């Protein structure tokens, strides 16, 4: 089981998309400054995630979200709507 997740920087409000098998550990690495691409944007808050069955599926979804701004915006909007009561 894999996770495709979205983080939001509390410094600049920008979003980061990634994928992992261990979501808690990966979030800790991001906030500890051990991930080069988010080191200068800490602290980061988890916006949400989607569970996908395989590593290849996660990689494909992450690629689609990072390279298609309309898909990225729709994915973030869906995650934010899921948080609302």
PDB file of N, CA and C in Angstrom:
ATOM      1  N   UNK A   1       0.853  -1.178   0.000  1.00  0.00           N
ATOM      2  CA  UNK A   1       0.000   0.000   0.000  1.00  0.00           C
ATOM      3  C   UNK A   1       0.898   1.239   0.000  1.00  0.00           C
ATOM      4  N   UNK A   2       0.572   2.188  -0.855  1.00  0.00           N
ATOM      5  CA  UNK A   2       1.339   3.420  -1.013  1.00  0.00           C
ATOM      6  C   UNK A   2       0.439   4.624  -0.769  1.00  0.00           C
ATOM      7  N   UNK A   3       1.076   5.735  -0.461  1.00  0.00           N
ATOM      8  CA  UNK A   3       0.365   6.991  -0.222  1.00  0.00           C
ATOM      9  C   UNK A   3       0.900   8.057  -1.164  1.00  0.00           C
ATOM     10  N   UNK A   4      -0.008   8.791  -1.788  1.00  0.00           N
ATOM     11  CA  UNK A   4       0.341   9.999  -2.513  1.00  0.00           C
ATOM     12  C   UNK A   4      -0.183  11.123  -1.642  1.00  0.00           C
ATOM     13  N   UNK A   5       0.719  12.007  -1.229  1.00  0.00           N
ATOM     14  CA  UNK A   5       0.358  12.995  -0.218  1.00  0.00           C
ATOM     15  C   UNK A   5       0.635  14.415  -0.679  1.00  0.00           C
ATOM     16  N   UNK A   6      -0.013  15.365   0.002  1.00  0.00           N
ATOM     17  CA  UNK A   6       0.189  16.781  -0.265  1.00  0.00           C
ATOM     18  C   UNK A   6       0.548  17.455   1.048  1.00  0.00           C
ATOM     19  N   UNK A   7       1.628  18.225   1.009  1.00  0.00           N
ATOM     20  CA  UNK A   7       2.049  19.023   2.151  1.00  0.00           C
ATOM     21  C   UNK A   7       1.894  20.492   1.786  1.00  0.00           C
ATOM     22  N   UNK A   8       1.655  21.307   2.801  1.00  0.00           N
ATOM     23  CA  UNK A   8       1.567  22.755   2.582  1.00  0.00           C
ATOM     24  C   UNK A   8       2.597  23.423   3.478  1.00  0.00           C
ATOM     25  N   UNK A   9       3.404  24.290   2.884  1.00  0.00           N
ATOM     26  CA  UNK A   9       4.407  25.024   3.635  1.00  0.00           C
ATOM     27  C   UNK A   9       3.730  26.125   4.441  1.00  0.00           C
ATOM     28  N   UNK A  10       4.050  26.204   5.718  1.00  0.00           N
ATOM     29  CA  UNK A  10       3.499  27.273   6.547  1.00  0.00           C
ATOM     30  C   UNK A  10       4.306  28.556   6.396  1.00  0.00           C
ATOM     31  N   UNK A  11       5.405  28.502   5.645  1.00  0.00           N
ATOM     32  CA  UNK A  11       6.228  29.680   5.392  1.00  0.00           C
ATOM     33  C   UNK A  11       5.709  30.452   4.184  1.00  0.00           C
ATOM     34  N   UNK A  12       5.522  29.750   3.061  1.00  0.00           N
ATOM     35  CA  UNK A  12       5.120  30.429   1.831  1.00  0.00           C
ATOM     36  C   UNK A  12       3.772  29.984   1.272  1.00  0.00           C
ATOM     37  N   UNK A  13       3.123  29.014   1.923  1.00  0.00           N
ATOM     38  CA  UNK A  13       1.799  28.573   1.490  1.00  0.00           C
ATOM     39  C   UNK A  13       1.796  27.689   0.262  1.00  0.00           C
ATOM     40  N   UNK A  14       2.964  27.338  -0.251  1.00  0.00           N
ATOM     41  CA  UNK A  14       3.050  26.495  -1.440  1.00  0.00           C
ATOM     42  C   UNK A  14       2.818  25.028  -1.085  1.00  0.00           C
ATOM     43  N   UNK A  15       2.431  24.251  -2.086  1.00  0.00           N
ATOM     44  CA  UNK A  15       2.136  22.830  -1.893  1.00  0.00           C
ATOM     45  C   UNK A  15       3.274  21.967  -2.422  1.00  0.00           C
ATOM     46  N   UNK A  16       3.455  20.810  -1.806  1.00  0.00           N
ATOM     47  CA  UNK A  16       4.428  19.817  -2.242  1.00  0.00           C
ATOM     48  C   UNK A  16       3.701  18.482  -2.349  1.00  0.00           C
ATOM     49  N   UNK A  17       3.946  17.765  -3.429  1.00  0.00           N
ATOM     50  CA  UNK A  17       3.322  16.460  -3.653  1.00  0.00           C
ATOM     51  C   UNK A  17       4.410  15.402  -3.649  1.00  0.00           C
ATOM     52  N   UNK A  18       4.144  14.296  -2.962  1.00  0.00           N
ATOM     53  CA  UNK A  18       5.097  13.197  -2.928  1.00  0.00           C
ATOM     54  C   UNK A  18       4.380  11.875  -2.769  1.00  0.00           C
ATOM     55  N   UNK A  19       5.170  10.798  -2.722  1.00  0.00           N
ATOM     56  CA  UNK A  19       4.597   9.463  -2.521  1.00  0.00           C
ATOM     57  C   UNK A  19       5.538   8.658  -1.646  1.00  0.00           C
ATOM     58  N   UNK A  20       4.952   7.779  -0.831  1.00  0.00           N
ATOM     59  CA  UNK A  20       5.736   7.002   0.122  1.00  0.00           C
ATOM     60  C   UNK A  20       4.964   5.769   0.577  1.00  0.00           C
ATOM     61  N   UNK A  21       5.683   4.851   1.196  1.00  0.00           N
ATOM     62  CA  UNK A  21       5.052   3.695   1.839  1.00  0.00           C
ATOM     63  C   UNK A  21       4.738   3.985   3.301  1.00  0.00           C
ATOM     64  N   UNK A  22       5.539   4.857   3.929  1.00  0.00           N
ATOM     65  CA  UNK A  22       5.393   5.164   5.354  1.00  0.00           C
ATOM     66  C   UNK A  22       5.162   6.663   5.510  1.00  0.00           C
ATOM     67  N   UNK A  23       3.911   7.050   5.609  1.00  0.00           N
ATOM     68  CA  UNK A  23       3.540   8.462   5.627  1.00  0.00           C
ATOM     69  C   UNK A  23       4.063   9.196   6.856  1.00  0.00           C
ATOM     70  N   UNK A  24       3.932   8.606   8.026  1.00  0.00           N
ATOM     71  CA  UNK A  24       4.395   9.268   9.255  1.00  0.00           C
ATOM     72  C   UNK A  24       5.890   9.533   9.216  1.00  0.00           C
ATOM     73  N   UNK A  25       6.657   8.537   8.792  1.00  0.00           N
ATOM     74  CA  UNK A  25       8.106   8.681   8.717  1.00  0.00           C
ATOM     75  C   UNK A  25       8.494   9.743   7.690  1.00  0.00           C
ATOM     76  N   UNK A  26       7.821   9.728   6.550  1.00  0.00           N
ATOM     77  CA  UNK A  26       8.151  10.689   5.496  1.00  0.00           C
ATOM     78  C   UNK A  26       7.850  12.116   5.934  1.00  0.00           C
ATOM     79  N   UNK A  27       6.735  12.337   6.612  1.00  0.00           N
ATOM     80  CA  UNK A  27       6.400  13.664   7.117  1.00  0.00           C
ATOM     81  C   UNK A  27       7.447  14.128   8.130  1.00  0.00           C
ATOM     82  N   UNK A  28       7.896  13.222   8.991  1.00  0.00           N
ATOM     83  CA  UNK A  28       8.941  13.553   9.961  1.00  0.00           C
ATOM     84  C   UNK A  28      10.234  13.948   9.250  1.00  0.00           C
ATOM     85  N   UNK A  29      10.597  13.230   8.191  1.00  0.00           N
ATOM     86  CA  UNK A  29      11.798  13.572   7.430  1.00  0.00           C
ATOM     87  C   UNK A  29      11.683  14.956   6.799  1.00  0.00           C
ATOM     88  N   UNK A  30      10.523  15.269   6.236  1.00  0.00           N
ATOM     89  CA  UNK A  30      10.309  16.590   5.645  1.00  0.00           C
ATOM     90  C   UNK A  30      10.497  17.678   6.701  1.00  0.00           C
ATOM     91  N   UNK A  31       9.867  17.523   7.845  1.00  0.00           N
ATOM     92  CA  UNK A  31       9.920  18.561   8.869  1.00  0.00           C
ATOM     93  C   UNK A  31      11.245  18.614   9.614  1.00  0.00           C
ATOM     94  N   UNK A  32      12.057  17.562   9.505  1.00  0.00           N
ATOM     95  CA  UNK A  32      13.388  17.567  10.115  1.00  0.00           C
ATOM     96  C   UNK A  32      14.420  18.192   9.169  1.00  0.00           C
ATOM     97  N   UNK A  33      14.014  18.543   7.961  1.00  0.00           N
ATOM     98  CA  UNK A  33      14.926  19.151   7.012  1.00  0.00           C
ATOM     99  C   UNK A  33      15.790  18.155   6.268  1.00  0.00           C
ATOM    100  N   UNK A  34      15.393  16.904   6.242  1.00  0.00           N
ATOM    101  CA  UNK A  34      16.186  15.873   5.592  1.00  0.00           C
ATOM    102  C   UNK A  34      15.765  15.592   4.153  1.00  0.00           C
ATOM    103  N   UNK A  35      14.794  16.348   3.660  1.00  0.00           N
ATOM    104  CA  UNK A  35      14.371  16.236   2.261  1.00  0.00           C
ATOM    105  C   UNK A  35      14.761  17.549   1.589  1.00  0.00           C
ATOM    106  N   UNK A  36      15.695  17.453   0.650  1.00  0.00           N
ATOM    107  CA  UNK A  36      16.283  18.638   0.033  1.00  0.00           C
ATOM    108  C   UNK A  36      15.239  19.595  -0.565  1.00  0.00           C
ATOM    109  N   UNK A  37      14.235  19.054  -1.225  1.00  0.00           N
ATOM    110  CA  UNK A  37      13.276  19.900  -1.931  1.00  0.00           C
ATOM    111  C   UNK A  37      12.351  20.696  -1.006  1.00  0.00           C
ATOM    112  N   UNK A  38      12.246  20.305   0.260  1.00  0.00           N
ATOM    113  CA  UNK A  38      11.360  21.038   1.178  1.00  0.00           C
ATOM    114  C   UNK A  38      12.093  21.635   2.367  1.00  0.00           C
ATOM    115  N   UNK A  39      13.394  21.477   2.409  1.00  0.00           N
ATOM    116  CA  UNK A  39      14.187  21.914   3.565  1.00  0.00           C
ATOM    117  C   UNK A  39      13.953  23.386   3.907  1.00  0.00           C
ATOM    118  N   UNK A  40      13.929  24.247   2.913  1.00  0.00           N
ATOM    119  CA  UNK A  40      13.808  25.695   3.156  1.00  0.00           C
ATOM    120  C   UNK A  40      12.355  26.143   3.325  1.00  0.00           C
ATOM    121  N   UNK A  41      11.422  25.222   3.264  1.00  0.00           N
ATOM    122  CA  UNK A  41      10.006  25.594   3.327  1.00  0.00           C
ATOM    123  C   UNK A  41       9.336  25.102   4.605  1.00  0.00           C
ATOM    124  N   UNK A  42      10.122  24.660   5.567  1.00  0.00           N
ATOM    125  CA  UNK A  42       9.580  24.129   6.816  1.00  0.00           C
ATOM    126  C   UNK A  42       9.029  25.253   7.688  1.00  0.00           C
ATOM    127  N   UNK A  43       8.053  24.965   8.542  1.00  0.00           N
ATOM    128  CA  UNK A  43       7.388  23.685   8.766  1.00  0.00           C
ATOM    129  C   UNK A  43       6.342  23.396   7.686  1.00  0.00           C
ATOM    130  N   UNK A  44       6.060  22.101   7.547  1.00  0.00           N
ATOM    131  CA  UNK A  44       5.104  21.635   6.561  1.00  0.00           C
ATOM    132  C   UNK A  44       3.960  20.920   7.264  1.00  0.00           C
ATOM    133  N   UNK A  45       2.778  21.118   6.744  1.00  0.00           N
ATOM    134  CA  UNK A  45       1.585  20.500   7.323  1.00  0.00           C
ATOM    135  C   UNK A  45       0.965  19.567   6.286  1.00  0.00           C
ATOM    136  N   UNK A  46       0.546  18.397   6.724  1.00  0.00           N
ATOM    137  CA  UNK A  46      -0.098  17.435   5.838  1.00  0.00           C
ATOM    138  C   UNK A  46      -1.495  17.926   5.484  1.00  0.00           C
ATOM    139  N   UNK A  47      -1.743  18.128   4.202  1.00  0.00           N
ATOM    140  CA  UNK A  47      -3.063  18.536   3.714  1.00  0.00           C
ATOM    141  C   UNK A  47      -3.956  17.307   3.620  1.00  0.00           C
ATOM    142  N   UNK A  48      -3.388  16.218   3.101  1.00  0.00           N
ATOM    143  CA  UNK A  48      -4.138  14.983   2.955  1.00  0.00           C
ATOM    144  C   UNK A  48      -3.368  14.006   2.092  1.00  0.00           C
ATOM    145  N   UNK A  49      -3.977  12.851   1.879  1.00  0.00           N
ATOM    146  CA  UNK A  49      -3.323  11.811   1.096  1.00  0.00           C
ATOM    147  C   UNK A  49      -4.361  10.910   0.457  1.00  0.00           C
ATOM    148  N   UNK A  50      -3.902  10.169  -0.538  1.00  0.00           N
ATOM    149  CA  UNK A  50      -4.732   9.160  -1.178  1.00  0.00           C
ATOM    150  C   UNK A  50      -3.969   7.845  -1.132  1.00  0.00           C
ATOM    151  N   UNK A  51      -4.649   6.787  -0.783  1.00  0.00           N
ATOM    152  CA  UNK A  51      -4.036   5.461  -0.734  1.00  0.00           C
ATOM    153  C   UNK A  51      -4.176   4.822  -2.106  1.00  0.00           C
ATOM    154  N   UNK A  52      -3.061   4.289  -2.608  1.00  0.00           N
ATOM    155  CA  UNK A  52      -3.060   3.590  -3.889  1.00  0.00           C
ATOM    156  C   UNK A  52      -2.430   2.213  -3.691  1.00  0.00           C
ATOM    157  N   UNK A  53      -2.780   1.244  -4.535  1.00  0.00           N
ATOM    158  CA  UNK A  53      -2.384  -0.136  -4.266  1.00  0.00           C
ATOM    159  C   UNK A  53      -0.919  -0.478  -4.533  1.00  0.00           C
ATOM    160  N   UNK A  54      -0.305   0.169  -5.529  1.00  0.00           N
ATOM    161  CA  UNK A  54       1.049  -0.246  -5.904  1.00  0.00           C
ATOM    162  C   UNK A  54       1.989   0.947  -6.028  1.00  0.00           C
ATOM    163  N   UNK A  55       3.282   0.629  -6.011  1.00  0.00           N
ATOM    164  CA  UNK A  55       4.310   1.658  -6.169  1.00  0.00           C
ATOM    165  C   UNK A  55       4.197   2.324  -7.543  1.00  0.00           C
ATOM    166  N   UNK A  56       3.977   1.539  -8.566  1.00  0.00           N
ATOM    167  CA  UNK A  56       3.859   2.101  -9.915  1.00  0.00           C
ATOM    168  C   UNK A  56       2.666   3.036 -10.043  1.00  0.00           C
ATOM    169  N   UNK A  57       1.562   2.679  -9.412  1.00  0.00           N
ATOM    170  CA  UNK A  57       0.379   3.542  -9.423  1.00  0.00           C
ATOM    171  C   UNK A  57       0.675   4.858  -8.723  1.00  0.00           C
ATOM    172  N   UNK A  58       1.378   4.791  -7.607  1.00  0.00           N
ATOM    173  CA  UNK A  58       1.733   5.997  -6.852  1.00  0.00           C
ATOM    174  C   UNK A  58       2.663   6.891  -7.669  1.00  0.00           C
ATOM    175  N   UNK A  59       3.648   6.300  -8.307  1.00  0.00           N
ATOM    176  CA  UNK A  59       4.586   7.073  -9.122  1.00  0.00           C
ATOM    177  C   UNK A  59       3.860   7.744 -10.287  1.00  0.00           C
ATOM    178  N   UNK A  60       2.944   7.032 -10.918  1.00  0.00           N
ATOM    179  CA  UNK A  60       2.205   7.598 -12.036  1.00  0.00           C
ATOM    180  C   UNK A  60       1.315   8.754 -11.576  1.00  0.00           C
ATOM    181  N   UNK A  61       0.603   8.566 -10.470  1.00  0.00           N
ATOM    182  CA  UNK A  61      -0.259   9.624  -9.961  1.00  0.00           C
ATOM    183  C   UNK A  61       0.565  10.848  -9.570  1.00  0.00           C
ATOM    184  N   UNK A  62       1.679  10.637  -8.884  1.00  0.00           N
ATOM    185  CA  UNK A  62       2.547  11.757  -8.497  1.00  0.00           C
ATOM    186  C   UNK A  62       3.025  12.507  -9.746  1.00  0.00           C
ATOM    187  N   UNK A  63       3.444  11.781 -10.758  1.00  0.00           N
ATOM    188  CA  UNK A  63       3.889  12.408 -12.009  1.00  0.00           C
ATOM    189  C   UNK A  63       2.769  13.244 -12.624  1.00  0.00           C
ATOM    190  N   UNK A  64       1.573  12.671 -12.708  1.00  0.00           N
ATOM    191  CA  UNK A  64       0.440  13.382 -13.291  1.00  0.00           C
ATOM    192  C   UNK A  64       0.145  14.678 -12.531  1.00  0.00           C
ATOM    193  N   UNK A  65       0.179  14.606 -11.211  1.00  0.00           N
ATOM    194  CA  UNK A  65      -0.129  15.781 -10.396  1.00  0.00           C
ATOM    195  C   UNK A  65       0.950  16.857 -10.512  1.00  0.00           C
ATOM    196  N   UNK A  66       2.200  16.443 -10.607  1.00  0.00           N
ATOM    197  CA  UNK A  66       3.292  17.411 -10.686  1.00  0.00           C
ATOM    198  C   UNK A  66       3.418  18.044 -12.067  1.00  0.00           C
ATOM    199  N   UNK A  67       2.915  17.392 -13.094  1.00  0.00           N
ATOM    200  CA  UNK A  67       3.088  17.902 -14.444  1.00  0.00           C
ATOM    201  C   UNK A  67       1.815  18.453 -15.091  1.00  0.00           C
ATOM    202  N   UNK A  68       0.709  18.404 -14.386  1.00  0.00           N
ATOM    203  CA  UNK A  68      -0.556  18.924 -14.909  1.00  0.00           C
ATOM    204  C   UNK A  68      -1.209  19.766 -13.821  1.00  0.00           C
ATOM    205  N   UNK A  69      -1.076  21.071 -13.938  1.00  0.00           N
ATOM    206  CA  UNK A  69      -1.548  21.961 -12.879  1.00  0.00           C
ATOM    207  C   UNK A  69      -3.045  21.831 -12.617  1.00  0.00           C
ATOM    208  N   UNK A  70      -3.840  21.532 -13.655  1.00  0.00           N
ATOM    209  CA  UNK A  70      -5.276  21.379 -13.435  1.00  0.00           C
ATOM    210  C   UNK A  70      -5.566  20.144 -12.581  1.00  0.00           C
ATOM    211  N   UNK A  71      -4.828  19.056 -12.811  1.00  0.00           N
ATOM    212  CA  UNK A  71      -5.009  17.851 -12.005  1.00  0.00           C
ATOM    213  C   UNK A  71      -4.523  18.077 -10.570  1.00  0.00           C
ATOM    214  N   UNK A  72      -3.431  18.823 -10.435  1.00  0.00           N
ATOM    215  CA  UNK A  72      -2.900  19.143  -9.114  1.00  0.00           C
ATOM    216  C   UNK A  72      -3.919  19.957  -8.317  1.00  0.00           C
ATOM    217  N   UNK A  73      -4.471  20.980  -8.935  1.00  0.00           N
ATOM    218  CA  UNK A  73      -5.455  21.822  -8.258  1.00  0.00           C
ATOM    219  C   UNK A  73      -6.697  21.029  -7.873  1.00  0.00           C
ATOM    220  N   UNK A  74      -7.164  20.159  -8.748  1.00  0.00           N
ATOM    221  CA  UNK A  74      -8.342  19.345  -8.456  1.00  0.00           C
ATOM    222  C   UNK A  74      -8.061  18.375  -7.313  1.00  0.00           C
ATOM    223  N   UNK A  75      -6.865  17.784  -7.288  1.00  0.00           N
ATOM    224  CA  UNK A  75      -6.484  16.846  -6.226  1.00  0.00           C
ATOM    225  C   UNK A  75      -6.422  17.560  -4.878  1.00  0.00           C
ATOM    226  N   UNK A  76      -5.800  18.731  -4.841  1.00  0.00           N
ATOM    227  CA  UNK A  76      -5.700  19.501  -3.597  1.00  0.00           C
ATOM    228  C   UNK A  76      -7.085  19.924  -3.140  1.00  0.00           C
ATOM    229  N   UNK A  77      -7.911  20.382  -4.065  1.00  0.00           N
ATOM    230  CA  UNK A  77      -9.278  20.798  -3.722  1.00  0.00           C
ATOM    231  C   UNK A  77     -10.064  19.632  -3.121  1.00  0.00           C
ATOM    232  N   UNK A  78      -9.901  18.428  -3.713  1.00  0.00           N
ATOM    233  CA  UNK A  78     -10.597  17.242  -3.205  1.00  0.00           C
ATOM    234  C   UNK A  78     -10.136  16.929  -1.784  1.00  0.00           C
ATOM    235  N   UNK A  79      -8.834  16.984  -1.532  1.00  0.00           N
ATOM    236  CA  UNK A  79      -8.318  16.700  -0.189  1.00  0.00           C
ATOM    237  C   UNK A  79      -8.808  17.724   0.831  1.00  0.00           C
ATOM    238  N   UNK A  80      -8.833  18.997   0.437  1.00  0.00           N
ATOM    239  CA  UNK A  80      -9.308  20.038   1.344  1.00  0.00           C
ATOM    240  C   UNK A  80     -10.796  19.883   1.650  1.00  0.00           C
ATOM    241  N   UNK A  81     -11.587  19.484   0.655  1.00  0.00           N
ATOM    242  CA  UNK A  81     -13.015  19.276   0.866  1.00  0.00           C
ATOM    243  C   UNK A  81     -13.274  18.096   1.785  1.00  0.00           C
ATOM    244  N   UNK A  82     -12.412  17.091   1.745  1.00  0.00           N
ATOM    245  CA  UNK A  82     -12.570  15.919   2.613  1.00  0.00           C
ATOM    246  C   UNK A  82     -12.362  16.286   4.079  1.00  0.00           C
ATOM    247  N   UNK A  83     -11.615  17.358   4.343  1.00  0.00           N
ATOM    248  CA  UNK A  83     -11.343  17.777   5.717  1.00  0.00           C
ATOM    249  C   UNK A  83     -12.500  18.534   6.344  1.00  0.00           C
ATOM    250  N   UNK A  84     -13.336  19.122   5.501  1.00  0.00           N
ATOM    251  CA  UNK A  84     -14.451  19.929   6.018  1.00  0.00           C
ATOM    252  C   UNK A  84     -15.517  19.024   6.620  1.00  0.00           C
ATOM    253  N   UNK A  85     -16.109  19.471   7.727  1.00  0.00           N
ATOM    254  CA  UNK A  85     -17.184  18.669   8.367  1.00  0.00           C
ATOM    255  C   UNK A  85     -18.478  18.689   7.583  1.00  0.00           C
TER     256      UNK A  85
END
